[in-house]
Amino acid sequence: MAYDEGLADRFRQALDGLPGVSEKRMMGGVCFLLDGNMIGGADRSKDGVGRFMFRVGKDNEAEALSRPGAEVMNQGGRRMTGLVFVGEEACDDARLKDWVSLTLSFTTTLPPKKK
């Protein structure tokens, strides 16, 4: 996976100045965190495909996977429950905001992590 500044910037814009958001380079891309809890991220796969990753939580996973372009996230041969990848072509700006909203419906329920 490789970092993609354009995709990261789109994710940043979709978060639209939300307080408590930070960024961290992880998993070969950039991840966005809310009060220390991962929201999601953006990268390019080994094949060069741009994609977003969203942390939707277990309860939202079925809904997330029913959306266009969503697929299960596998990391190192292991399924990552509650996390989905969405290709950049399936994520125009309006859909990206919808994904961020779904993600925040989960991550805002988590307690802030201590620094």
PDB file of N, CA and C in Angstrom:
ATOM      1  N   MET A   1       0.836  -1.173   0.000  1.00  0.00           N
ATOM      2  CA  MET A   1       0.000   0.000   0.000  1.00  0.00           C
ATOM      3  C   MET A   1       0.884   1.240   0.000  1.00  0.00           C
ATOM      4  N   ALA A   2       0.397   2.277  -0.639  1.00  0.00           N
ATOM      5  CA  ALA A   2       1.179   3.496  -0.747  1.00  0.00           C
ATOM      6  C   ALA A   2       0.324   4.710  -0.406  1.00  0.00           C
ATOM      7  N   TYR A   3       0.986   5.694   0.128  1.00  0.00           N
ATOM      8  CA  TYR A   3       0.338   6.950   0.483  1.00  0.00           C
ATOM      9  C   TYR A   3      -0.110   7.679  -0.776  1.00  0.00           C
ATOM     10  N   ASP A   4      -1.288   8.301  -0.746  1.00  0.00           N
ATOM     11  CA  ASP A   4      -1.799   9.093  -1.863  1.00  0.00           C
ATOM     12  C   ASP A   4      -2.327  10.407  -1.300  1.00  0.00           C
ATOM     13  N   GLU A   5      -1.593  11.489  -1.556  1.00  0.00           N
ATOM     14  CA  GLU A   5      -1.955  12.793  -0.986  1.00  0.00           C
ATOM     15  C   GLU A   5      -3.322  13.277  -1.467  1.00  0.00           C
ATOM     16  N   GLY A   6      -3.657  13.015  -2.729  1.00  0.00           N
ATOM     17  CA  GLY A   6      -4.954  13.449  -3.255  1.00  0.00           C
ATOM     18  C   GLY A   6      -6.119  12.794  -2.532  1.00  0.00           C
ATOM     19  N   LEU A   7      -6.017  11.490  -2.297  1.00  0.00           N
ATOM     20  CA  LEU A   7      -7.083  10.784  -1.577  1.00  0.00           C
ATOM     21  C   LEU A   7      -7.132  11.228  -0.116  1.00  0.00           C
ATOM     22  N   ALA A   8      -5.959  11.403   0.486  1.00  0.00           N
ATOM     23  CA  ALA A   8      -5.914  11.867   1.873  1.00  0.00           C
ATOM     24  C   ALA A   8      -6.565  13.242   1.989  1.00  0.00           C
ATOM     25  N   ASP A   9      -6.316  14.120   1.015  1.00  0.00           N
ATOM     26  CA  ASP A   9      -6.904  15.449   1.051  1.00  0.00           C
ATOM     27  C   ASP A   9      -8.421  15.398   0.908  1.00  0.00           C
ATOM     28  N   ARG A  10      -8.915  14.506   0.067  1.00  0.00           N
ATOM     29  CA  ARG A  10     -10.376  14.346  -0.058  1.00  0.00           C
ATOM     30  C   ARG A  10     -10.988  13.897   1.269  1.00  0.00           C
ATOM     31  N   PHE A  11     -10.324  12.964   1.958  1.00  0.00           N
ATOM     32  CA  PHE A  11     -10.811  12.488   3.253  1.00  0.00           C
ATOM     33  C   PHE A  11     -10.800  13.650   4.253  1.00  0.00           C
ATOM     34  N   ARG A  12      -9.710  14.403   4.261  1.00  0.00           N
ATOM     35  CA  ARG A  12      -9.577  15.574   5.141  1.00  0.00           C
ATOM     36  C   ARG A  12     -10.743  16.537   4.933  1.00  0.00           C
ATOM     37  N   GLN A  13     -11.039  16.840   3.681  1.00  0.00           N
ATOM     38  CA  GLN A  13     -12.118  17.774   3.354  1.00  0.00           C
ATOM     39  C   GLN A  13     -13.476  17.234   3.798  1.00  0.00           C
ATOM     40  N   ALA A  14     -13.676  15.934   3.685  1.00  0.00           N
ATOM     41  CA  ALA A  14     -14.948  15.336   4.111  1.00  0.00           C
ATOM     42  C   ALA A  14     -15.131  15.445   5.625  1.00  0.00           C
ATOM     43  N   LEU A  15     -14.029  15.485   6.372  1.00  0.00           N
ATOM     44  CA  LEU A  15     -14.108  15.644   7.830  1.00  0.00           C
ATOM     45  C   LEU A  15     -14.404  17.089   8.211  1.00  0.00           C
ATOM     46  N   ASP A  16     -14.148  18.010   7.280  1.00  0.00           N
ATOM     47  CA  ASP A  16     -14.580  19.400   7.375  1.00  0.00           C
ATOM     48  C   ASP A  16     -14.333  20.061   8.726  1.00  0.00           C
ATOM     49  N   GLY A  17     -13.109  19.987   9.230  1.00  0.00           N
ATOM     50  CA  GLY A  17     -12.763  20.703  10.456  1.00  0.00           C
ATOM     51  C   GLY A  17     -13.356  20.127  11.729  1.00  0.00           C
ATOM     52  N   LEU A  18     -13.748  18.888  11.718  1.00  0.00           N
ATOM     53  CA  LEU A  18     -14.300  18.238  12.905  1.00  0.00           C
ATOM     54  C   LEU A  18     -13.292  18.315  14.053  1.00  0.00           C
ATOM     55  N   PRO A  19     -13.682  18.833  15.225  1.00  0.00           N
ATOM     56  CA  PRO A  19     -12.728  18.920  16.339  1.00  0.00           C
ATOM     57  C   PRO A  19     -12.294  17.541  16.827  1.00  0.00           C
ATOM     58  N   GLY A  20     -11.042  17.451  17.253  1.00  0.00           N
ATOM     59  CA  GLY A  20     -10.528  16.205  17.808  1.00  0.00           C
ATOM     60  C   GLY A  20      -9.925  15.272  16.783  1.00  0.00           C
ATOM     61  N   VAL A  21      -9.849  15.704  15.510  1.00  0.00           N
ATOM     62  CA  VAL A  21      -9.313  14.852  14.447  1.00  0.00           C
ATOM     63  C   VAL A  21      -7.804  15.031  14.347  1.00  0.00           C
ATOM     64  N   SER A  22      -7.111  13.920  14.206  1.00  0.00           N
ATOM     65  CA  SER A  22      -5.668  13.933  13.976  1.00  0.00           C
ATOM     66  C   SER A  22      -5.364  12.942  12.850  1.00  0.00           C
ATOM     67  N   GLU A  23      -4.137  13.000  12.350  1.00  0.00           N
ATOM     68  CA  GLU A  23      -3.700  12.121  11.271  1.00  0.00           C
ATOM     69  C   GLU A  23      -2.473  11.351  11.718  1.00  0.00           C
ATOM     70  N   LYS A  24      -2.365  10.127  11.196  1.00  0.00           N
ATOM     71  CA  LYS A  24      -1.209   9.299  11.518  1.00  0.00           C
ATOM     72  C   LYS A  24      -0.896   8.424  10.316  1.00  0.00           C
ATOM     73  N   ARG A  25       0.362   8.375   9.938  1.00  0.00           N
ATOM     74  CA  ARG A  25       0.782   7.476   8.860  1.00  0.00           C
ATOM     75  C   ARG A  25       0.798   6.065   9.425  1.00  0.00           C
ATOM     76  N   MET A  26      -0.011   5.192   8.844  1.00  0.00           N
ATOM     77  CA  MET A  26      -0.086   3.799   9.271  1.00  0.00           C
ATOM     78  C   MET A  26      -0.496   2.942   8.083  1.00  0.00           C
ATOM     79  N   MET A  27      -0.165   1.673   8.144  1.00  0.00           N
ATOM     80  CA  MET A  27      -0.582   0.686   7.159  1.00  0.00           C
ATOM     81  C   MET A  27      -0.262   1.134   5.738  1.00  0.00           C
ATOM     82  N   GLY A  28       0.803   1.869   5.558  1.00  0.00           N
ATOM     83  CA  GLY A  28       1.226   2.296   4.237  1.00  0.00           C
ATOM     84  C   GLY A  28       0.496   3.502   3.689  1.00  0.00           C
ATOM     85  N   GLY A  29      -0.477   3.994   4.402  1.00  0.00           N
ATOM     86  CA  GLY A  29      -1.241   5.161   3.965  1.00  0.00           C
ATOM     87  C   GLY A  29      -1.337   6.152   5.092  1.00  0.00           C
ATOM     88  N   VAL A  30      -2.424   6.887   5.100  1.00  0.00           N
ATOM     89  CA  VAL A  30      -2.679   7.820   6.191  1.00  0.00           C
ATOM     90  C   VAL A  30      -4.017   7.441   6.820  1.00  0.00           C
ATOM     91  N   CYS A  31      -4.052   7.461   8.148  1.00  0.00           N
ATOM     92  CA  CYS A  31      -5.294   7.195   8.865  1.00  0.00           C
ATOM     93  C   CYS A  31      -5.700   8.452   9.616  1.00  0.00           C
ATOM     94  N   PHE A  32      -6.986   8.618   9.762  1.00  0.00           N
ATOM     95  CA  PHE A  32      -7.553   9.745  10.487  1.00  0.00           C
ATOM     96  C   PHE A  32      -8.161   9.210  11.766  1.00  0.00           C
ATOM     97  N   LEU A  33      -7.938   9.931  12.845  1.00  0.00           N
ATOM     98  CA  LEU A  33      -8.396   9.500  14.162  1.00  0.00           C
ATOM     99  C   LEU A  33      -9.246  10.591  14.799  1.00  0.00           C
ATOM    100  N   LEU A  34     -10.228  10.191  15.551  1.00  0.00           N
ATOM    101  CA  LEU A  34     -11.062  11.103  16.323  1.00  0.00           C
ATOM    102  C   LEU A  34     -10.835  10.803  17.785  1.00  0.00           C
ATOM    103  N   ASP A  35     -10.257  11.747  18.492  1.00  0.00           N
ATOM    104  CA  ASP A  35      -9.914  11.563  19.907  1.00  0.00           C
ATOM    105  C   ASP A  35      -9.110  10.280  20.123  1.00  0.00           C
ATOM    106  N   GLY A  36      -8.227   9.969  19.161  1.00  0.00           N
ATOM    107  CA  GLY A  36      -7.352   8.810  19.260  1.00  0.00           C
ATOM    108  C   GLY A  36      -7.913   7.525  18.693  1.00  0.00           C
ATOM    109  N   ASN A  37      -9.184   7.515  18.286  1.00  0.00           N
ATOM    110  CA  ASN A  37      -9.814   6.324  17.711  1.00  0.00           C
ATOM    111  C   ASN A  37      -9.854   6.443  16.191  1.00  0.00           C
ATOM    112  N   MET A  38      -9.405   5.387  15.492  1.00  0.00           N
ATOM    113  CA  MET A  38      -9.357   5.422  14.041  1.00  0.00           C
ATOM    114  C   MET A  38     -10.741   5.588  13.434  1.00  0.00           C
ATOM    115  N   ILE A  39     -10.827   6.528  12.482  1.00  0.00           N
ATOM    116  CA  ILE A  39     -12.039   6.749  11.691  1.00  0.00           C
ATOM    117  C   ILE A  39     -11.916   5.979  10.383  1.00  0.00           C
ATOM    118  N   GLY A  40     -10.769   6.134   9.739  1.00  0.00           N
ATOM    119  CA  GLY A  40     -10.531   5.497   8.461  1.00  0.00           C
ATOM    120  C   GLY A  40      -9.276   6.063   7.840  1.00  0.00           C
ATOM    121  N   GLY A  41      -9.110   5.837   6.538  1.00  0.00           N
ATOM    122  CA  GLY A  41      -7.908   6.307   5.891  1.00  0.00           C
ATOM    123  C   GLY A  41      -8.003   6.221   4.385  1.00  0.00           C
ATOM    124  N   ALA A  42      -6.866   6.459   3.751  1.00  0.00           N
ATOM    125  CA  ALA A  42      -6.788   6.436   2.294  1.00  0.00           C
ATOM    126  C   ALA A  42      -5.410   5.948   1.877  1.00  0.00           C
ATOM    127  N   ASP A  43      -5.368   5.196   0.781  1.00  0.00           N
ATOM    128  CA  ASP A  43      -4.093   4.712   0.258  1.00  0.00           C
ATOM    129  C   ASP A  43      -4.251   4.263  -1.186  1.00  0.00           C
ATOM    130  N   ARG A  44      -3.196   3.718  -1.717  1.00  0.00           N
ATOM    131  CA  ARG A  44      -3.207   3.040  -3.016  1.00  0.00           C
ATOM    132  C   ARG A  44      -2.765   1.610  -2.762  1.00  0.00           C
ATOM    133  N   SER A  45      -3.496   0.669  -3.332  1.00  0.00           N
ATOM    134  CA  SER A  45      -3.159  -0.747  -3.167  1.00  0.00           C
ATOM    135  C   SER A  45      -1.881  -1.064  -3.941  1.00  0.00           C
ATOM    136  N   LYS A  46      -1.384  -2.281  -3.778  1.00  0.00           N
ATOM    137  CA  LYS A  46      -0.196  -2.728  -4.517  1.00  0.00           C
ATOM    138  C   LYS A  46      -0.416  -2.642  -6.027  1.00  0.00           C
ATOM    139  N   ASP A  47      -1.668  -2.758  -6.440  1.00  0.00           N
ATOM    140  CA  ASP A  47      -2.015  -2.678  -7.860  1.00  0.00           C
ATOM    141  C   ASP A  47      -2.196  -1.238  -8.335  1.00  0.00           C
ATOM    142  N   GLY A  48      -2.027  -0.273  -7.436  1.00  0.00           N
ATOM    143  CA  GLY A  48      -2.159   1.137  -7.794  1.00  0.00           C
ATOM    144  C   GLY A  48      -3.572   1.677  -7.744  1.00  0.00           C
ATOM    145  N   VAL A  49      -4.489   0.909  -7.184  1.00  0.00           N
ATOM    146  CA  VAL A  49      -5.885   1.321  -7.098  1.00  0.00           C
ATOM    147  C   VAL A  49      -6.079   2.211  -5.867  1.00  0.00           C
ATOM    148  N   GLY A  50      -6.622   3.404  -6.081  1.00  0.00           N
ATOM    149  CA  GLY A  50      -6.921   4.294  -4.967  1.00  0.00           C
ATOM    150  C   GLY A  50      -8.140   3.801  -4.217  1.00  0.00           C
ATOM    151  N   ARG A  51      -8.066   3.875  -2.895  1.00  0.00           N
ATOM    152  CA  ARG A  51      -9.196   3.388  -2.095  1.00  0.00           C
ATOM    153  C   ARG A  51      -9.218   4.092  -0.750  1.00  0.00           C
ATOM    154  N   PHE A  52     -10.405   4.081  -0.191  1.00  0.00           N
ATOM    155  CA  PHE A  52     -10.621   4.590   1.157  1.00  0.00           C
ATOM    156  C   PHE A  52     -10.876   3.410   2.078  1.00  0.00           C
ATOM    157  N   MET A  53     -10.521   3.564   3.316  1.00  0.00           N
ATOM    158  CA  MET A  53     -10.807   2.556   4.327  1.00  0.00           C
ATOM    159  C   MET A  53     -11.663   3.243   5.384  1.00  0.00           C
ATOM    160  N   PHE A  54     -12.744   2.589   5.774  1.00  0.00           N
ATOM    161  CA  PHE A  54     -13.653   3.156   6.768  1.00  0.00           C
ATOM    162  C   PHE A  54     -13.846   2.177   7.922  1.00  0.00           C
ATOM    163  N   ARG A  55     -13.769   2.702   9.115  1.00  0.00           N
ATOM    164  CA  ARG A  55     -14.040   1.905  10.317  1.00  0.00           C
ATOM    165  C   ARG A  55     -15.505   2.120  10.679  1.00  0.00           C
ATOM    166  N   VAL A  56     -16.330   1.166  10.304  1.00  0.00           N
ATOM    167  CA  VAL A  56     -17.771   1.304  10.482  1.00  0.00           C
ATOM    168  C   VAL A  56     -18.290   0.575  11.724  1.00  0.00           C
ATOM    169  N   GLY A  57     -17.489  -0.329  12.276  1.00  0.00           N
ATOM    170  CA  GLY A  57     -17.927  -1.117  13.424  1.00  0.00           C
ATOM    171  C   GLY A  57     -18.729  -2.333  12.995  1.00  0.00           C
ATOM    172  N   LYS A  58     -18.784  -3.310  13.860  1.00  0.00           N
ATOM    173  CA  LYS A  58     -19.470  -4.577  13.549  1.00  0.00           C
ATOM    174  C   LYS A  58     -20.951  -4.374  13.248  1.00  0.00           C
ATOM    175  N   ASP A  59     -21.614  -3.506  14.014  1.00  0.00           N
ATOM    176  CA  ASP A  59     -23.056  -3.325  13.836  1.00  0.00           C
ATOM    177  C   ASP A  59     -23.419  -2.669  12.508  1.00  0.00           C
ATOM    178  N   ASN A  60     -22.518  -1.897  11.935  1.00  0.00           N
ATOM    179  CA  ASN A  60     -22.781  -1.215  10.661  1.00  0.00           C
ATOM    180  C   ASN A  60     -22.189  -1.946   9.456  1.00  0.00           C
ATOM    181  N   GLU A  61     -21.506  -3.054   9.690  1.00  0.00           N
ATOM    182  CA  GLU A  61     -20.784  -3.713   8.603  1.00  0.00           C
ATOM    183  C   GLU A  61     -21.699  -4.204   7.489  1.00  0.00           C
ATOM    184  N   ALA A  62     -22.826  -4.823   7.809  1.00  0.00           N
ATOM    185  CA  ALA A  62     -23.730  -5.341   6.769  1.00  0.00           C
ATOM    186  C   ALA A  62     -24.248  -4.193   5.899  1.00  0.00           C
ATOM    187  N   GLU A  63     -24.627  -3.089   6.520  1.00  0.00           N
ATOM    188  CA  GLU A  63     -25.080  -1.925   5.750  1.00  0.00           C
ATOM    189  C   GLU A  63     -23.949  -1.411   4.861  1.00  0.00           C
ATOM    190  N   ALA A  64     -22.758  -1.318   5.423  1.00  0.00           N
ATOM    191  CA  ALA A  64     -21.615  -0.812   4.669  1.00  0.00           C
ATOM    192  C   ALA A  64     -21.331  -1.690   3.452  1.00  0.00           C
ATOM    193  N   LEU A  65     -21.348  -2.991   3.631  1.00  0.00           N
ATOM    194  CA  LEU A  65     -21.032  -3.904   2.533  1.00  0.00           C
ATOM    195  C   LEU A  65     -22.115  -3.942   1.460  1.00  0.00           C
ATOM    196  N   SER A  66     -23.309  -3.433   1.773  1.00  0.00           N
ATOM    197  CA  SER A  66     -24.372  -3.374   0.769  1.00  0.00           C
ATOM    198  C   SER A  66     -24.236  -2.147  -0.129  1.00  0.00           C
ATOM    199  N   ARG A  67     -23.346  -1.230   0.222  1.00  0.00           N
ATOM    200  CA  ARG A  67     -23.159  -0.009  -0.568  1.00  0.00           C
ATOM    201  C   ARG A  67     -22.244  -0.271  -1.766  1.00  0.00           C
ATOM    202  N   PRO A  68     -22.442   0.478  -2.849  1.00  0.00           N
ATOM    203  CA  PRO A  68     -21.622   0.286  -4.053  1.00  0.00           C
ATOM    204  C   PRO A  68     -20.125   0.468  -3.776  1.00  0.00           C
ATOM    205  N   GLY A  69     -19.338  -0.464  -4.293  1.00  0.00           N
ATOM    206  CA  GLY A  69     -17.885  -0.365  -4.207  1.00  0.00           C
ATOM    207  C   GLY A  69     -17.268  -0.844  -2.913  1.00  0.00           C
ATOM    208  N   ALA A  70     -18.068  -1.220  -1.923  1.00  0.00           N
ATOM    209  CA  ALA A  70     -17.539  -1.640  -0.620  1.00  0.00           C
ATOM    210  C   ALA A  70     -17.105  -3.096  -0.662  1.00  0.00           C
ATOM    211  N   GLU A  71     -16.006  -3.369   0.003  1.00  0.00           N
ATOM    212  CA  GLU A  71     -15.542  -4.749   0.125  1.00  0.00           C
ATOM    213  C   GLU A  71     -14.907  -4.957   1.488  1.00  0.00           C
ATOM    214  N   VAL A  72     -14.897  -6.197   1.908  1.00  0.00           N
ATOM    215  CA  VAL A  72     -14.318  -6.580   3.188  1.00  0.00           C
ATOM    216  C   VAL A  72     -12.841  -6.213   3.190  1.00  0.00           C
ATOM    217  N   MET A  73     -12.350  -5.743   4.313  1.00  0.00           N
ATOM    218  CA  MET A  73     -10.923  -5.442   4.441  1.00  0.00           C
ATOM    219  C   MET A  73     -10.202  -6.671   4.968  1.00  0.00           C
ATOM    220  N   ASN A  74      -9.192  -7.094   4.226  1.00  0.00           N
ATOM    221  CA  ASN A  74      -8.313  -8.181   4.656  1.00  0.00           C
ATOM    222  C   ASN A  74      -6.922  -7.603   4.829  1.00  0.00           C
ATOM    223  N   GLN A  75      -6.299  -7.921   5.928  1.00  0.00           N
ATOM    224  CA  GLN A  75      -4.948  -7.444   6.219  1.00  0.00           C
ATOM    225  C   GLN A  75      -4.111  -8.654   6.610  1.00  0.00           C
ATOM    226  N   GLY A  76      -3.085  -8.935   5.844  1.00  0.00           N
ATOM    227  CA  GLY A  76      -2.220 -10.076   6.152  1.00  0.00           C
ATOM    228  C   GLY A  76      -2.960 -11.394   6.157  1.00  0.00           C
ATOM    229  N   GLY A  77      -3.960 -11.543   5.270  1.00  0.00           N
ATOM    230  CA  GLY A  77      -4.724 -12.773   5.188  1.00  0.00           C
ATOM    231  C   GLY A  77      -5.815 -12.903   6.234  1.00  0.00           C
ATOM    232  N   ARG A  78      -6.016 -11.869   7.028  1.00  0.00           N
ATOM    233  CA  ARG A  78      -7.012 -11.904   8.109  1.00  0.00           C
ATOM    234  C   ARG A  78      -8.109 -10.878   7.834  1.00  0.00           C
ATOM    235  N   ARG A  79      -9.353 -11.299   7.977  1.00  0.00           N
ATOM    236  CA  ARG A  79     -10.480 -10.391   7.808  1.00  0.00           C
ATOM    237  C   ARG A  79     -10.535  -9.430   8.986  1.00  0.00           C
ATOM    238  N   MET A  80     -10.638  -8.144   8.661  1.00  0.00           N
ATOM    239  CA  MET A  80     -10.698  -7.107   9.685  1.00  0.00           C
ATOM    240  C   MET A  80     -12.169  -6.706   9.876  1.00  0.00           C
ATOM    241  N   THR A  81     -12.809  -7.291  10.867  1.00  0.00           N
ATOM    242  CA  THR A  81     -14.222  -7.054  11.120  1.00  0.00           C
ATOM    243  C   THR A  81     -14.459  -5.584  11.444  1.00  0.00           C
ATOM    244  N   GLY A  82     -15.516  -5.035  10.838  1.00  0.00           N
ATOM    245  CA  GLY A  82     -15.884  -3.647  11.109  1.00  0.00           C
ATOM    246  C   GLY A  82     -15.131  -2.628  10.282  1.00  0.00           C
ATOM    247  N   LEU A  83     -14.280  -3.105   9.367  1.00  0.00           N
ATOM    248  CA  LEU A  83     -13.510  -2.230   8.480  1.00  0.00           C
ATOM    249  C   LEU A  83     -13.798  -2.604   7.035  1.00  0.00           C
ATOM    250  N   VAL A  84     -13.988  -1.615   6.181  1.00  0.00           N
ATOM    251  CA  VAL A  84     -14.247  -1.871   4.769  1.00  0.00           C
ATOM    252  C   VAL A  84     -13.376  -0.977   3.900  1.00  0.00           C
ATOM    253  N   PHE A  85     -13.059  -1.482   2.708  1.00  0.00           N
ATOM    254  CA  PHE A  85     -12.407  -0.691   1.678  1.00  0.00           C
ATOM    255  C   PHE A  85     -13.466  -0.264   0.672  1.00  0.00           C
ATOM    256  N   VAL A  86     -13.305   0.942   0.132  1.00  0.00           N
ATOM    257  CA  VAL A  86     -14.170   1.436  -0.936  1.00  0.00           C
ATOM    258  C   VAL A  86     -13.265   2.080  -1.979  1.00  0.00           C
ATOM    259  N   GLY A  87     -13.361   1.618  -3.215  1.00  0.00           N
ATOM    260  CA  GLY A  87     -12.555   2.180  -4.287  1.00  0.00           C
ATOM    261  C   GLY A  87     -12.890   3.635  -4.531  1.00  0.00           C
ATOM    262  N   GLU A  88     -11.881   4.414  -4.911  1.00  0.00           N
ATOM    263  CA  GLU A  88     -12.093   5.844  -5.112  1.00  0.00           C
ATOM    264  C   GLU A  88     -13.141   6.126  -6.186  1.00  0.00           C
ATOM    265  N   GLU A  89     -13.275   5.251  -7.187  1.00  0.00           N
ATOM    266  CA  GLU A  89     -14.251   5.483  -8.252  1.00  0.00           C
ATOM    267  C   GLU A  89     -15.688   5.365  -7.753  1.00  0.00           C
ATOM    268  N   ALA A  90     -15.900   4.678  -6.645  1.00  0.00           N
ATOM    269  CA  ALA A  90     -17.240   4.522  -6.063  1.00  0.00           C
ATOM    270  C   ALA A  90     -17.517   5.579  -5.002  1.00  0.00           C
ATOM    271  N   CYS A  91     -16.622   6.547  -4.871  1.00  0.00           N
ATOM    272  CA  CYS A  91     -16.713   7.505  -3.775  1.00  0.00           C
ATOM    273  C   CYS A  91     -16.576   8.942  -4.267  1.00  0.00           C
ATOM    274  N   ASP A  92     -17.628   9.463  -4.905  1.00  0.00           N
ATOM    275  CA  ASP A  92     -17.590  10.878  -5.232  1.00  0.00           C
ATOM    276  C   ASP A  92     -17.702  11.669  -3.924  1.00  0.00           C
ATOM    277  N   ASP A  93     -17.648  12.980  -3.988  1.00  0.00           N
ATOM    278  CA  ASP A  93     -17.613  13.773  -2.758  1.00  0.00           C
ATOM    279  C   ASP A  93     -18.847  13.570  -1.872  1.00  0.00           C
ATOM    280  N   ALA A  94     -20.033  13.463  -2.486  1.00  0.00           N
ATOM    281  CA  ALA A  94     -21.261  13.252  -1.708  1.00  0.00           C
ATOM    282  C   ALA A  94     -21.240  11.892  -1.015  1.00  0.00           C
ATOM    283  N   ARG A  95     -20.822  10.856  -1.746  1.00  0.00           N
ATOM    284  CA  ARG A  95     -20.755   9.516  -1.146  1.00  0.00           C
ATOM    285  C   ARG A  95     -19.676   9.448  -0.071  1.00  0.00           C
ATOM    286  N   LEU A  96     -18.578  10.150  -0.283  1.00  0.00           N
ATOM    287  CA  LEU A  96     -17.519  10.179   0.724  1.00  0.00           C
ATOM    288  C   LEU A  96     -18.049  10.764   2.027  1.00  0.00           C
ATOM    289  N   LYS A  97     -18.826  11.827   1.940  1.00  0.00           N
ATOM    290  CA  LYS A  97     -19.422  12.416   3.152  1.00  0.00           C
ATOM    291  C   LYS A  97     -20.386  11.428   3.817  1.00  0.00           C
ATOM    292  N   ASP A  98     -21.137  10.668   3.016  1.00  0.00           N
ATOM    293  CA  ASP A  98     -22.037   9.645   3.569  1.00  0.00           C
ATOM    294  C   ASP A  98     -21.241   8.565   4.301  1.00  0.00           C
ATOM    295  N   TRP A  99     -20.109   8.158   3.711  1.00  0.00           N
ATOM    296  CA  TRP A  99     -19.260   7.163   4.367  1.00  0.00           C
ATOM    297  C   TRP A  99     -18.696   7.710   5.672  1.00  0.00           C
ATOM    298  N   VAL A 100     -18.239   8.933   5.647  1.00  0.00           N
ATOM    299  CA  VAL A 100     -17.695   9.537   6.868  1.00  0.00           C
ATOM    300  C   VAL A 100     -18.786   9.620   7.938  1.00  0.00           C
ATOM    301  N   SER A 101     -19.991   9.942   7.546  1.00  0.00           N
ATOM    302  CA  SER A 101     -21.108   9.999   8.493  1.00  0.00           C
ATOM    303  C   SER A 101     -21.368   8.629   9.125  1.00  0.00           C
ATOM    304  N   LEU A 102     -21.374   7.574   8.302  1.00  0.00           N
ATOM    305  CA  LEU A 102     -21.569   6.220   8.834  1.00  0.00           C
ATOM    306  C   LEU A 102     -20.439   5.857   9.792  1.00  0.00           C
ATOM    307  N   THR A 103     -19.231   6.199   9.406  1.00  0.00           N
ATOM    308  CA  THR A 103     -18.072   5.913  10.243  1.00  0.00           C
ATOM    309  C   THR A 103     -18.158   6.643  11.577  1.00  0.00           C
ATOM    310  N   LEU A 104     -18.532   7.918  11.522  1.00  0.00           N
ATOM    311  CA  LEU A 104     -18.637   8.699  12.755  1.00  0.00           C
ATOM    312  C   LEU A 104     -19.770   8.209  13.657  1.00  0.00           C
ATOM    313  N   SER A 105     -20.808   7.608  13.068  1.00  0.00           N
ATOM    314  CA  SER A 105     -21.890   7.065  13.903  1.00  0.00           C
ATOM    315  C   SER A 105     -21.372   5.952  14.802  1.00  0.00           C
ATOM    316  N   PHE A 106     -20.257   5.332  14.401  1.00  0.00           N
ATOM    317  CA  PHE A 106     -19.618   4.325  15.248  1.00  0.00           C
ATOM    318  C   PHE A 106     -18.537   4.943  16.129  1.00  0.00           C
ATOM    319  N   THR A 107     -17.604   5.648  15.533  1.00  0.00           N
ATOM    320  CA  THR A 107     -16.437   6.107  16.303  1.00  0.00           C
ATOM    321  C   THR A 107     -16.777   7.136  17.384  1.00  0.00           C
ATOM    322  N   THR A 108     -17.871   7.876  17.210  1.00  0.00           N
ATOM    323  CA  THR A 108     -18.245   8.837  18.252  1.00  0.00           C
ATOM    324  C   THR A 108     -18.804   8.151  19.489  1.00  0.00           C
ATOM    325  N   THR A 109     -19.099   6.852  19.412  1.00  0.00           N
ATOM    326  CA  THR A 109     -19.571   6.117  20.592  1.00  0.00           C
ATOM    327  C   THR A 109     -18.422   5.601  21.453  1.00  0.00           C
ATOM    328  N   LEU A 110     -17.198   5.687  20.926  1.00  0.00           N
ATOM    329  CA  LEU A 110     -16.030   5.172  21.631  1.00  0.00           C
ATOM    330  C   LEU A 110     -15.469   6.210  22.587  1.00  0.00           C
ATOM    331  N   PRO A 111     -14.970   5.781  23.736  1.00  0.00           N
ATOM    332  CA  PRO A 111     -14.369   6.754  24.656  1.00  0.00           C
ATOM    333  C   PRO A 111     -13.057   7.286  24.083  1.00  0.00           C
ATOM    334  N   PRO A 112     -12.726   8.550  24.355  1.00  0.00           N
ATOM    335  CA  PRO A 112     -11.446   9.080  23.880  1.00  0.00           C
ATOM    336  C   PRO A 112     -10.290   8.282  24.448  1.00  0.00           C
ATOM    337  N   LYS A 113      -9.239   8.125  23.636  1.00  0.00           N
ATOM    338  CA  LYS A 113      -8.051   7.442  24.108  1.00  0.00           C
ATOM    339  C   LYS A 113      -7.153   8.453  24.805  1.00  0.00           C
ATOM    340  N   LYS A 114      -6.500   7.994  25.853  1.00  0.00           N
ATOM    341  CA  LYS A 114      -5.595   8.866  26.598  1.00  0.00           C
ATOM    342  C   LYS A 114      -4.319   9.028  25.807  1.00  0.00           C
ATOM    343  N   LYS A 115      -3.758  10.218  25.871  1.00  0.00           N
ATOM    344  CA  LYS A 115      -2.510  10.497  25.146  1.00  0.00           C
ATOM    345  C   LYS A 115      -1.309  10.091  25.939  1.00  0.00           C
TER     346      LYS A 115
END
